[in-house]
Amino acid sequence: MDTSEFVKVYGGNFILVTRVKAELEAAGIIPIIKDEGESQRLAGYGSINQGFQEVFVNNEELNKALEIVNRVVSEMQA
């Protein structure tokens, strides 16, 4: 059973994640950005996921965050 308080709502490159993060913060949601590639680089390992990041939000803010993410993604694809 997963008891995490955070859930992934988006994954993409640095530029797209920055846009999603800004929109979430404007709505009062503080996201957590996970960058495995940067973590691996800092630890001295090579990374095949360089530039790929994931956005996580608190479970209590999930529905509102998903609405924002879906809107931003559709705007970026237009």
PDB file of N, CA and C in Angstrom:
ATOM      1  N   MET A   1       0.842  -1.187   0.000  1.00  0.00           N
ATOM      2  CA  MET A   1       0.000   0.000   0.000  1.00  0.00           C
ATOM      3  C   MET A   1       0.882   1.243   0.000  1.00  0.00           C
ATOM      4  N   ASP A   2       0.606   2.156  -0.925  1.00  0.00           N
ATOM      5  CA  ASP A   2       1.384   3.385  -1.039  1.00  0.00           C
ATOM      6  C   ASP A   2       0.787   4.441  -0.114  1.00  0.00           C
ATOM      7  N   THR A   3       1.588   4.956   0.796  1.00  0.00           N
ATOM      8  CA  THR A   3       1.094   5.943   1.745  1.00  0.00           C
ATOM      9  C   THR A   3       1.671   7.330   1.479  1.00  0.00           C
ATOM     10  N   SER A   4       2.164   7.551   0.270  1.00  0.00           N
ATOM     11  CA  SER A   4       2.756   8.832  -0.067  1.00  0.00           C
ATOM     12  C   SER A   4       1.707   9.938  -0.045  1.00  0.00           C
ATOM     13  N   GLU A   5       2.109  11.106   0.384  1.00  0.00           N
ATOM     14  CA  GLU A   5       1.212  12.256   0.406  1.00  0.00           C
ATOM     15  C   GLU A   5       1.243  13.009  -0.916  1.00  0.00           C
ATOM     16  N   PHE A   6       2.139  12.610  -1.828  1.00  0.00           N
ATOM     17  CA  PHE A   6       2.303  13.313  -3.090  1.00  0.00           C
ATOM     18  C   PHE A   6       2.083  12.373  -4.258  1.00  0.00           C
ATOM     19  N   VAL A   7       1.584  12.940  -5.352  1.00  0.00           N
ATOM     20  CA  VAL A   7       1.314  12.159  -6.550  1.00  0.00           C
ATOM     21  C   VAL A   7       1.847  12.913  -7.770  1.00  0.00           C
ATOM     22  N   LYS A   8       2.360  12.150  -8.726  1.00  0.00           N
ATOM     23  CA  LYS A   8       2.899  12.739  -9.950  1.00  0.00           C
ATOM     24  C   LYS A   8       1.752  13.220 -10.830  1.00  0.00           C
ATOM     25  N   VAL A   9       1.858  14.467 -11.313  1.00  0.00           N
ATOM     26  CA  VAL A   9       0.828  15.013 -12.192  1.00  0.00           C
ATOM     27  C   VAL A   9       1.354  15.347 -13.576  1.00  0.00           C
ATOM     28  N   TYR A  10       2.693  15.379 -13.740  1.00  0.00           N
ATOM     29  CA  TYR A  10       3.248  15.730 -15.044  1.00  0.00           C
ATOM     30  C   TYR A  10       4.713  15.323 -15.113  1.00  0.00           C
ATOM     31  N   GLY A  11       5.162  15.013 -16.306  1.00  0.00           N
ATOM     32  CA  GLY A  11       6.569  14.734 -16.560  1.00  0.00           C
ATOM     33  C   GLY A  11       6.943  15.266 -17.926  1.00  0.00           C
ATOM     34  N   GLY A  12       8.085  15.922 -18.023  1.00  0.00           N
ATOM     35  CA  GLY A  12       8.511  16.478 -19.302  1.00  0.00           C
ATOM     36  C   GLY A  12       9.860  17.160 -19.177  1.00  0.00           C
ATOM     37  N   ASN A  13      10.217  17.912 -20.223  1.00  0.00           N
ATOM     38  CA  ASN A  13      11.514  18.587 -20.195  1.00  0.00           C
ATOM     39  C   ASN A  13      11.455  19.830 -19.302  1.00  0.00           C
ATOM     40  N   PHE A  14      12.608  20.395 -19.050  1.00  0.00           N
ATOM     41  CA  PHE A  14      12.739  21.523 -18.115  1.00  0.00           C
ATOM     42  C   PHE A  14      11.822  22.692 -18.472  1.00  0.00           C
ATOM     43  N   ILE A  15      11.734  23.035 -19.741  1.00  0.00           N
ATOM     44  CA  ILE A  15      10.953  24.194 -20.165  1.00  0.00           C
ATOM     45  C   ILE A  15       9.464  23.981 -19.895  1.00  0.00           C
ATOM     46  N   LEU A  16       8.956  22.810 -20.254  1.00  0.00           N
ATOM     47  CA  LEU A  16       7.538  22.528 -20.038  1.00  0.00           C
ATOM     48  C   LEU A  16       7.213  22.426 -18.556  1.00  0.00           C
ATOM     49  N   VAL A  17       8.100  21.798 -17.802  1.00  0.00           N
ATOM     50  CA  VAL A  17       7.883  21.675 -16.361  1.00  0.00           C
ATOM     51  C   VAL A  17       7.886  23.050 -15.696  1.00  0.00           C
ATOM     52  N   THR A  18       8.753  23.943 -16.151  1.00  0.00           N
ATOM     53  CA  THR A  18       8.790  25.301 -15.595  1.00  0.00           C
ATOM     54  C   THR A  18       7.456  26.007 -15.810  1.00  0.00           C
ATOM     55  N   ARG A  19       6.866  25.835 -16.987  1.00  0.00           N
ATOM     56  CA  ARG A  19       5.564  26.449 -17.272  1.00  0.00           C
ATOM     57  C   ARG A  19       4.476  25.875 -16.374  1.00  0.00           C
ATOM     58  N   VAL A  20       4.433  24.549 -16.245  1.00  0.00           N
ATOM     59  CA  VAL A  20       3.441  23.900 -15.383  1.00  0.00           C
ATOM     60  C   VAL A  20       3.624  24.351 -13.936  1.00  0.00           C
ATOM     61  N   LYS A  21       4.866  24.394 -13.482  1.00  0.00           N
ATOM     62  CA  LYS A  21       5.169  24.825 -12.109  1.00  0.00           C
ATOM     63  C   LYS A  21       4.677  26.249 -11.857  1.00  0.00           C
ATOM     64  N   ALA A  22       4.916  27.143 -12.799  1.00  0.00           N
ATOM     65  CA  ALA A  22       4.490  28.535 -12.638  1.00  0.00           C
ATOM     66  C   ALA A  22       2.971  28.646 -12.535  1.00  0.00           C
ATOM     67  N   GLU A  23       2.259  27.890 -13.360  1.00  0.00           N
ATOM     68  CA  GLU A  23       0.798  27.930 -13.328  1.00  0.00           C
ATOM     69  C   GLU A  23       0.252  27.355 -12.021  1.00  0.00           C
ATOM     70  N   LEU A  24       0.858  26.281 -11.547  1.00  0.00           N
ATOM     71  CA  LEU A  24       0.423  25.704 -10.271  1.00  0.00           C
ATOM     72  C   LEU A  24       0.667  26.684  -9.127  1.00  0.00           C
ATOM     73  N   GLU A  25       1.838  27.298  -9.110  1.00  0.00           N
ATOM     74  CA  GLU A  25       2.150  28.253  -8.049  1.00  0.00           C
ATOM     75  C   GLU A  25       1.219  29.456  -8.098  1.00  0.00           C
ATOM     76  N   ALA A  26       0.830  29.893  -9.297  1.00  0.00           N
ATOM     77  CA  ALA A  26      -0.093  31.023  -9.426  1.00  0.00           C
ATOM     78  C   ALA A  26      -1.460  30.683  -8.828  1.00  0.00           C
ATOM     79  N   ALA A  27      -1.795  29.388  -8.808  1.00  0.00           N
ATOM     80  CA  ALA A  27      -3.068  28.945  -8.235  1.00  0.00           C
ATOM     81  C   ALA A  27      -2.937  28.584  -6.758  1.00  0.00           C
ATOM     82  N   GLY A  28      -1.765  28.824  -6.179  1.00  0.00           N
ATOM     83  CA  GLY A  28      -1.562  28.557  -4.760  1.00  0.00           C
ATOM     84  C   GLY A  28      -1.146  27.126  -4.444  1.00  0.00           C
ATOM     85  N   ILE A  29      -0.756  26.371  -5.456  1.00  0.00           N
ATOM     86  CA  ILE A  29      -0.299  24.994  -5.255  1.00  0.00           C
ATOM     87  C   ILE A  29       1.230  24.984  -5.342  1.00  0.00           C
ATOM     88  N   ILE A  30       1.873  24.441  -4.328  1.00  0.00           N
ATOM     89  CA  ILE A  30       3.326  24.371  -4.307  1.00  0.00           C
ATOM     90  C   ILE A  30       3.742  22.964  -4.743  1.00  0.00           C
ATOM     91  N   PRO A  31       4.272  22.838  -5.973  1.00  0.00           N
ATOM     92  CA  PRO A  31       4.665  21.517  -6.459  1.00  0.00           C
ATOM     93  C   PRO A  31       6.075  21.136  -6.017  1.00  0.00           C
ATOM     94  N   ILE A  32       6.357  19.862  -6.093  1.00  0.00           N
ATOM     95  CA  ILE A  32       7.708  19.341  -5.879  1.00  0.00           C
ATOM     96  C   ILE A  32       8.213  18.881  -7.236  1.00  0.00           C
ATOM     97  N   ILE A  33       9.407  19.327  -7.600  1.00  0.00           N
ATOM     98  CA  ILE A  33      10.005  18.961  -8.887  1.00  0.00           C
ATOM     99  C   ILE A  33      11.098  17.926  -8.630  1.00  0.00           C
ATOM    100  N   LYS A  34      10.987  16.801  -9.305  1.00  0.00           N
ATOM    101  CA  LYS A  34      11.972  15.721  -9.170  1.00  0.00           C
ATOM    102  C   LYS A  34      12.772  15.648 -10.459  1.00  0.00           C
ATOM    103  N   ASP A  35      14.090  15.728 -10.335  1.00  0.00           N
ATOM    104  CA  ASP A  35      14.980  15.696 -11.490  1.00  0.00           C
ATOM    105  C   ASP A  35      16.032  14.616 -11.252  1.00  0.00           C
ATOM    106  N   GLU A  36      15.718  13.388 -11.672  1.00  0.00           N
ATOM    107  CA  GLU A  36      16.629  12.264 -11.451  1.00  0.00           C
ATOM    108  C   GLU A  36      17.955  12.459 -12.188  1.00  0.00           C
ATOM    109  N   GLY A  37      17.896  13.041 -13.385  1.00  0.00           N
ATOM    110  CA  GLY A  37      19.117  13.256 -14.160  1.00  0.00           C
ATOM    111  C   GLY A  37      20.092  14.149 -13.422  1.00  0.00           C
ATOM    112  N   GLU A  38      19.591  15.219 -12.845  1.00  0.00           N
ATOM    113  CA  GLU A  38      20.454  16.134 -12.097  1.00  0.00           C
ATOM    114  C   GLU A  38      20.981  15.465 -10.836  1.00  0.00           C
ATOM    115  N   SER A  39      20.139  14.686 -10.177  1.00  0.00           N
ATOM    116  CA  SER A  39      20.586  13.969  -8.983  1.00  0.00           C
ATOM    117  C   SER A  39      21.700  12.994  -9.327  1.00  0.00           C
ATOM    118  N   GLN A  40      21.547  12.287 -10.444  1.00  0.00           N
ATOM    119  CA  GLN A  40      22.577  11.342 -10.866  1.00  0.00           C
ATOM    120  C   GLN A  40      23.868  12.075 -11.241  1.00  0.00           C
ATOM    121  N   ARG A  41      23.732  13.199 -11.912  1.00  0.00           N
ATOM    122  CA  ARG A  41      24.914  13.970 -12.303  1.00  0.00           C
ATOM    123  C   ARG A  41      25.681  14.438 -11.071  1.00  0.00           C
ATOM    124  N   LEU A  42      24.951  14.944 -10.080  1.00  0.00           N
ATOM    125  CA  LEU A  42      25.596  15.430  -8.865  1.00  0.00           C
ATOM    126  C   LEU A  42      26.270  14.302  -8.083  1.00  0.00           C
ATOM    127  N   ALA A  43      25.723  13.097  -8.210  1.00  0.00           N
ATOM    128  CA  ALA A  43      26.306  11.948  -7.519  1.00  0.00           C
ATOM    129  C   ALA A  43      27.472  11.346  -8.291  1.00  0.00           C
ATOM    130  N   GLY A  44      27.712  11.830  -9.511  1.00  0.00           N
ATOM    131  CA  GLY A  44      28.835  11.351 -10.291  1.00  0.00           C
ATOM    132  C   GLY A  44      28.508  10.236 -11.255  1.00  0.00           C
ATOM    133  N   TYR A  45      27.221   9.991 -11.489  1.00  0.00           N
ATOM    134  CA  TYR A  45      26.797   8.946 -12.413  1.00  0.00           C
ATOM    135  C   TYR A  45      26.317   9.565 -13.713  1.00  0.00           C
ATOM    136  N   GLY A  46      26.373   8.799 -14.778  1.00  0.00           N
ATOM    137  CA  GLY A  46      25.818   9.244 -16.052  1.00  0.00           C
ATOM    138  C   GLY A  46      24.305   9.127 -16.021  1.00  0.00           C
ATOM    139  N   SER A  47      23.640   9.858 -16.907  1.00  0.00           N
ATOM    140  CA  SER A  47      22.183   9.827 -16.927  1.00  0.00           C
ATOM    141  C   SER A  47      21.674   9.800 -18.355  1.00  0.00           C
ATOM    142  N   ILE A  48      20.684   8.941 -18.598  1.00  0.00           N
ATOM    143  CA  ILE A  48      20.038   8.931 -19.910  1.00  0.00           C
ATOM    144  C   ILE A  48      18.790   9.819 -19.913  1.00  0.00           C
ATOM    145  N   ASN A  49      18.394  10.281 -18.744  1.00  0.00           N
ATOM    146  CA  ASN A  49      17.191  11.105 -18.615  1.00  0.00           C
ATOM    147  C   ASN A  49      17.518  12.580 -18.408  1.00  0.00           C
ATOM    148  N   GLN A  50      18.633  13.026 -18.930  1.00  0.00           N
ATOM    149  CA  GLN A  50      19.047  14.413 -18.707  1.00  0.00           C
ATOM    150  C   GLN A  50      17.973  15.369 -19.211  1.00  0.00           C
ATOM    151  N   GLY A  51      17.537  16.270 -18.358  1.00  0.00           N
ATOM    152  CA  GLY A  51      16.547  17.267 -18.729  1.00  0.00           C
ATOM    153  C   GLY A  51      15.112  16.855 -18.468  1.00  0.00           C
ATOM    154  N   PHE A  52      14.857  15.590 -18.122  1.00  0.00           N
ATOM    155  CA  PHE A  52      13.505  15.125 -17.844  1.00  0.00           C
ATOM    156  C   PHE A  52      13.208  15.339 -16.372  1.00  0.00           C
ATOM    157  N   GLN A  53      12.070  15.974 -16.099  1.00  0.00           N
ATOM    158  CA  GLN A  53      11.685  16.251 -14.723  1.00  0.00           C
ATOM    159  C   GLN A  53      10.247  15.790 -14.505  1.00  0.00           C
ATOM    160  N   GLU A  54       9.889  15.591 -13.235  1.00  0.00           N
ATOM    161  CA  GLU A  54       8.545  15.193 -12.865  1.00  0.00           C
ATOM    162  C   GLU A  54       7.990  16.185 -11.859  1.00  0.00           C
ATOM    163  N   VAL A  55       6.686  16.431 -11.953  1.00  0.00           N
ATOM    164  CA  VAL A  55       6.010  17.368 -11.056  1.00  0.00           C
ATOM    165  C   VAL A  55       5.077  16.571 -10.149  1.00  0.00           C
ATOM    166  N   PHE A  56       5.216  16.787  -8.849  1.00  0.00           N
ATOM    167  CA  PHE A  56       4.369  16.130  -7.859  1.00  0.00           C
ATOM    168  C   PHE A  56       3.610  17.189  -7.058  1.00  0.00           C
ATOM    169  N   VAL A  57       2.379  16.850  -6.658  1.00  0.00           N
ATOM    170  CA  VAL A  57       1.596  17.740  -5.800  1.00  0.00           C
ATOM    171  C   VAL A  57       1.017  16.921  -4.646  1.00  0.00           C
ATOM    172  N   ASN A  58       0.600  17.626  -3.620  1.00  0.00           N
ATOM    173  CA  ASN A  58      -0.033  16.991  -2.473  1.00  0.00           C
ATOM    174  C   ASN A  58      -1.357  16.365  -2.907  1.00  0.00           C
ATOM    175  N   ASN A  59      -1.674  15.197  -2.347  1.00  0.00           N
ATOM    176  CA  ASN A  59      -2.918  14.499  -2.691  1.00  0.00           C
ATOM    177  C   ASN A  59      -4.152  15.374  -2.514  1.00  0.00           C
ATOM    178  N   GLU A  60      -4.142  16.249  -1.528  1.00  0.00           N
ATOM    179  CA  GLU A  60      -5.306  17.097  -1.256  1.00  0.00           C
ATOM    180  C   GLU A  60      -5.542  18.124  -2.363  1.00  0.00           C
ATOM    181  N   GLU A  61      -4.512  18.421  -3.150  1.00  0.00           N
ATOM    182  CA  GLU A  61      -4.622  19.409  -4.225  1.00  0.00           C
ATOM    183  C   GLU A  61      -4.665  18.761  -5.611  1.00  0.00           C
ATOM    184  N   LEU A  62      -4.815  17.439  -5.643  1.00  0.00           N
ATOM    185  CA  LEU A  62      -4.698  16.698  -6.897  1.00  0.00           C
ATOM    186  C   LEU A  62      -5.706  17.131  -7.954  1.00  0.00           C
ATOM    187  N   ASN A  63      -6.970  17.210  -7.627  1.00  0.00           N
ATOM    188  CA  ASN A  63      -7.990  17.537  -8.635  1.00  0.00           C
ATOM    189  C   ASN A  63      -7.760  18.913  -9.248  1.00  0.00           C
ATOM    190  N   LYS A  64      -7.505  19.895  -8.406  1.00  0.00           N
ATOM    191  CA  LYS A  64      -7.252  21.249  -8.898  1.00  0.00           C
ATOM    192  C   LYS A  64      -5.976  21.276  -9.756  1.00  0.00           C
ATOM    193  N   ALA A  65      -4.948  20.564  -9.310  1.00  0.00           N
ATOM    194  CA  ALA A  65      -3.684  20.527 -10.050  1.00  0.00           C
ATOM    195  C   ALA A  65      -3.860  19.865 -11.412  1.00  0.00           C
ATOM    196  N   LEU A  66      -4.616  18.780 -11.481  1.00  0.00           N
ATOM    197  CA  LEU A  66      -4.831  18.091 -12.753  1.00  0.00           C
ATOM    198  C   LEU A  66      -5.571  18.977 -13.755  1.00  0.00           C
ATOM    199  N   GLU A  67      -6.524  19.759 -13.276  1.00  0.00           N
ATOM    200  CA  GLU A  67      -7.222  20.704 -14.155  1.00  0.00           C
ATOM    201  C   GLU A  67      -6.239  21.703 -14.756  1.00  0.00           C
ATOM    202  N   ILE A  68      -5.368  22.220 -13.933  1.00  0.00           N
ATOM    203  CA  ILE A  68      -4.378  23.201 -14.387  1.00  0.00           C
ATOM    204  C   ILE A  68      -3.394  22.558 -15.356  1.00  0.00           C
ATOM    205  N   VAL A  69      -2.887  21.382 -15.014  1.00  0.00           N
ATOM    206  CA  VAL A  69      -1.927  20.692 -15.877  1.00  0.00           C
ATOM    207  C   VAL A  69      -2.559  20.385 -17.228  1.00  0.00           C
ATOM    208  N   ASN A  70      -3.784  19.876 -17.233  1.00  0.00           N
ATOM    209  CA  ASN A  70      -4.457  19.555 -18.495  1.00  0.00           C
ATOM    210  C   ASN A  70      -4.653  20.799 -19.353  1.00  0.00           C
ATOM    211  N   ARG A  71      -4.997  21.915 -18.725  1.00  0.00           N
ATOM    212  CA  ARG A  71      -5.177  23.162 -19.466  1.00  0.00           C
ATOM    213  C   ARG A  71      -3.850  23.637 -20.063  1.00  0.00           C
ATOM    214  N   VAL A  72      -2.806  23.613 -19.271  1.00  0.00           N
ATOM    215  CA  VAL A  72      -1.484  24.073 -19.736  1.00  0.00           C
ATOM    216  C   VAL A  72      -0.976  23.176 -20.859  1.00  0.00           C
ATOM    217  N   VAL A  73      -1.117  21.866 -20.705  1.00  0.00           N
ATOM    218  CA  VAL A  73      -0.641  20.944 -21.735  1.00  0.00           C
ATOM    219  C   VAL A  73      -1.404  21.165 -23.039  1.00  0.00           C
ATOM    220  N   SER A  74      -2.712  21.364 -22.961  1.00  0.00           N
ATOM    221  CA  SER A  74      -3.478  21.596 -24.182  1.00  0.00           C
ATOM    222  C   SER A  74      -3.098  22.921 -24.837  1.00  0.00           C
ATOM    223  N   GLU A  75      -2.777  23.932 -24.044  1.00  0.00           N
ATOM    224  CA  GLU A  75      -2.314  25.210 -24.595  1.00  0.00           C
ATOM    225  C   GLU A  75      -0.963  25.046 -25.283  1.00  0.00           C
ATOM    226  N   MET A  76      -0.076  24.249 -24.718  1.00  0.00           N
ATOM    227  CA  MET A  76       1.246  24.066 -25.295  1.00  0.00           C
ATOM    228  C   MET A  76       1.186  23.241 -26.578  1.00  0.00           C
ATOM    229  N   GLN A  77       0.181  22.391 -26.707  1.00  0.00           N
ATOM    230  CA  GLN A  77       0.055  21.559 -27.889  1.00  0.00           C
ATOM    231  C   GLN A  77      -0.668  22.283 -29.023  1.00  0.00           C
ATOM    232  N   ALA A  78      -1.328  23.381 -28.718  1.00  0.00           N
ATOM    233  CA  ALA A  78      -2.099  24.115 -29.727  1.00  0.00           C
ATOM    234  C   ALA A  78      -1.192  24.922 -30.657  1.00  0.00           C
TER     235      ALA A  78
END
